[in-house]
Amino acid sequence: MAKELKANQKNAFKMPGIAHFNDAIRDGLKGFVMNEHDKGFVNGKPGMEDIIKKASLVV
């Protein structure tokens, strides 16, 4: 399937009213899911504020 036809976050603007799960918010808040030692923002990892802000923007 062509990239521009796929239902993903990059094409979300083409699908008003459809929500998309955001991995960046999850990983920024709790840590990278594939690394059990990664802390994330809620457990005190520094420098995560900008990642969470960017991932939280509504476009």
N, C-alpha and C. Protein backbone atom coordinates (compact mmCIF):
# COMPACT_ATOMS: atom_id res chain seq x y z
N MET A 1 0.85 -1.18 0.00
CA MET A 1 0.00 0.00 0.00
C MET A 1 0.89 1.24 0.00
N ALA A 2 0.48 2.22 -0.73
CA ALA A 2 1.24 3.47 -0.80
C ALA A 2 1.25 4.17 0.56
N LYS A 3 2.38 4.81 0.90
CA LYS A 3 2.53 5.49 2.19
C LYS A 3 1.41 6.49 2.46
N GLU A 4 1.02 7.23 1.45
CA GLU A 4 0.02 8.28 1.64
C GLU A 4 -1.39 7.74 1.88
N LEU A 5 -1.60 6.44 1.69
CA LEU A 5 -2.91 5.83 1.91
C LEU A 5 -3.01 5.10 3.25
N LYS A 6 -1.89 4.94 3.94
CA LYS A 6 -1.87 4.19 5.19
C LYS A 6 -2.51 5.01 6.33
N ALA A 7 -3.21 4.32 7.21
CA ALA A 7 -3.82 4.96 8.38
C ALA A 7 -2.77 4.95 9.50
N ASN A 8 -2.01 6.04 9.59
CA ASN A 8 -1.00 6.17 10.63
C ASN A 8 -0.95 7.62 11.12
N GLN A 9 -0.08 7.88 12.08
CA GLN A 9 -0.02 9.23 12.66
C GLN A 9 0.37 10.29 11.65
N LYS A 10 1.22 9.95 10.70
CA LYS A 10 1.64 10.94 9.70
C LYS A 10 0.47 11.35 8.81
N ASN A 11 -0.49 10.47 8.62
CA ASN A 11 -1.65 10.77 7.78
C ASN A 11 -2.90 11.09 8.60
N ALA A 12 -2.74 11.30 9.89
CA ALA A 12 -3.88 11.55 10.77
C ALA A 12 -4.73 12.73 10.31
N PHE A 13 -4.10 13.74 9.75
CA PHE A 13 -4.85 14.92 9.30
C PHE A 13 -5.86 14.58 8.20
N LYS A 14 -5.69 13.46 7.56
CA LYS A 14 -6.62 13.03 6.51
C LYS A 14 -7.83 12.28 7.07
N MET A 15 -7.79 12.02 8.40
CA MET A 15 -8.84 11.23 9.05
C MET A 15 -9.42 11.96 10.24
N PRO A 16 -10.13 13.06 10.01
CA PRO A 16 -10.70 13.81 11.15
C PRO A 16 -11.64 12.92 11.96
N GLY A 17 -11.55 13.04 13.26
CA GLY A 17 -12.43 12.26 14.14
C GLY A 17 -11.88 10.88 14.49
N ILE A 18 -10.74 10.51 13.94
CA ILE A 18 -10.13 9.22 14.25
C ILE A 18 -8.92 9.47 15.16
N ALA A 19 -8.88 8.78 16.30
CA ALA A 19 -7.78 8.94 17.24
C ALA A 19 -6.66 7.96 16.91
N HIS A 20 -5.44 8.32 17.29
CA HIS A 20 -4.28 7.48 17.05
C HIS A 20 -3.50 7.34 18.35
N PHE A 21 -3.11 6.12 18.69
CA PHE A 21 -2.28 5.90 19.87
C PHE A 21 -0.91 6.50 19.62
N ASN A 22 -0.34 7.13 20.64
CA ASN A 22 0.94 7.80 20.49
C ASN A 22 2.00 7.12 21.35
N ASP A 23 2.89 6.36 20.70
CA ASP A 23 3.98 5.67 21.41
C ASP A 23 4.92 6.64 22.10
N ALA A 24 5.14 7.81 21.50
CA ALA A 24 6.07 8.78 22.07
C ALA A 24 5.60 9.27 23.44
N ILE A 25 4.30 9.47 23.60
CA ILE A 25 3.78 9.91 24.90
C ILE A 25 3.98 8.80 25.93
N ARG A 26 3.62 7.57 25.57
CA ARG A 26 3.79 6.45 26.49
C ARG A 26 5.25 6.29 26.89
N ASP A 27 6.14 6.25 25.92
CA ASP A 27 7.55 6.05 26.22
C ASP A 27 8.14 7.24 26.98
N GLY A 28 7.71 8.45 26.66
CA GLY A 28 8.20 9.62 27.38
C GLY A 28 7.76 9.64 28.83
N LEU A 29 6.55 9.19 29.08
CA LEU A 29 6.02 9.19 30.45
C LEU A 29 6.57 8.04 31.28
N LYS A 30 6.54 6.82 30.78
CA LYS A 30 6.91 5.67 31.60
C LYS A 30 8.24 5.04 31.24
N GLY A 31 8.82 5.42 30.11
CA GLY A 31 10.07 4.82 29.65
C GLY A 31 9.82 3.94 28.44
N PHE A 32 10.88 3.68 27.69
CA PHE A 32 10.77 2.89 26.47
C PHE A 32 10.33 1.47 26.81
N VAL A 33 9.27 1.03 26.19
CA VAL A 33 8.65 -0.26 26.50
C VAL A 33 9.59 -1.45 26.28
N MET A 34 10.56 -1.33 25.40
CA MET A 34 11.48 -2.44 25.12
C MET A 34 12.71 -2.43 26.03
N ASN A 35 12.76 -1.50 26.98
CA ASN A 35 13.89 -1.41 27.91
C ASN A 35 13.34 -1.29 29.32
N GLU A 36 13.36 -2.36 30.07
CA GLU A 36 12.76 -2.37 31.41
C GLU A 36 13.47 -1.44 32.39
N HIS A 37 14.67 -0.97 32.04
CA HIS A 37 15.42 -0.08 32.93
C HIS A 37 15.24 1.40 32.61
N ASP A 38 14.58 1.71 31.50
CA ASP A 38 14.33 3.10 31.12
C ASP A 38 13.23 3.66 32.02
N LYS A 39 13.48 4.79 32.65
CA LYS A 39 12.56 5.33 33.65
C LYS A 39 11.40 6.14 33.09
N GLY A 40 11.64 7.05 32.21
CA GLY A 40 10.59 7.94 31.75
C GLY A 40 10.37 9.09 32.73
N PHE A 41 9.56 10.03 32.33
CA PHE A 41 9.31 11.26 33.10
C PHE A 41 8.73 10.99 34.49
N VAL A 42 7.75 10.11 34.60
CA VAL A 42 7.08 9.90 35.89
C VAL A 42 8.01 9.28 36.94
N ASN A 43 9.08 8.67 36.50
CA ASN A 43 10.03 8.09 37.44
C ASN A 43 11.33 8.89 37.53
N GLY A 44 11.28 10.13 37.07
CA GLY A 44 12.39 11.05 37.29
C GLY A 44 13.44 11.15 36.21
N LYS A 45 13.20 10.62 35.01
CA LYS A 45 14.20 10.75 33.94
C LYS A 45 14.24 12.20 33.48
N PRO A 46 15.41 12.83 33.55
CA PRO A 46 15.51 14.24 33.15
C PRO A 46 15.41 14.43 31.64
N GLY A 47 14.95 15.61 31.24
CA GLY A 47 14.92 15.99 29.84
C GLY A 47 13.77 15.45 29.02
N MET A 48 12.75 14.91 29.65
CA MET A 48 11.63 14.32 28.92
C MET A 48 10.51 15.32 28.64
N GLU A 49 10.57 16.50 29.24
CA GLU A 49 9.49 17.47 29.12
C GLU A 49 9.20 17.86 27.67
N ASP A 50 10.25 18.14 26.90
CA ASP A 50 10.05 18.56 25.52
C ASP A 50 9.48 17.44 24.65
N ILE A 51 9.89 16.21 24.91
CA ILE A 51 9.36 15.06 24.15
C ILE A 51 7.86 14.93 24.41
N ILE A 52 7.45 15.05 25.65
CA ILE A 52 6.04 14.93 26.01
C ILE A 52 5.25 16.10 25.42
N LYS A 53 5.79 17.31 25.51
CA LYS A 53 5.10 18.47 24.92
C LYS A 53 4.88 18.30 23.43
N LYS A 54 5.94 17.90 22.72
CA LYS A 54 5.84 17.73 21.28
C LYS A 54 4.84 16.63 20.92
N ALA A 55 4.86 15.52 21.64
CA ALA A 55 3.96 14.40 21.36
C ALA A 55 2.51 14.73 21.71
N SER A 56 2.31 15.72 22.58
CA SER A 56 0.96 16.07 23.03
C SER A 56 0.28 17.13 22.16
N LEU A 57 1.00 17.70 21.21
CA LEU A 57 0.41 18.73 20.36
C LEU A 57 -0.74 18.20 19.53
N VAL A 58 -1.80 18.93 19.51
CA VAL A 58 -2.95 18.57 18.67
C VAL A 58 -2.80 19.30 17.35
N VAL A 59 -2.81 18.57 16.28
CA VAL A 59 -2.61 19.18 14.97
C VAL A 59 -3.93 19.30 14.25
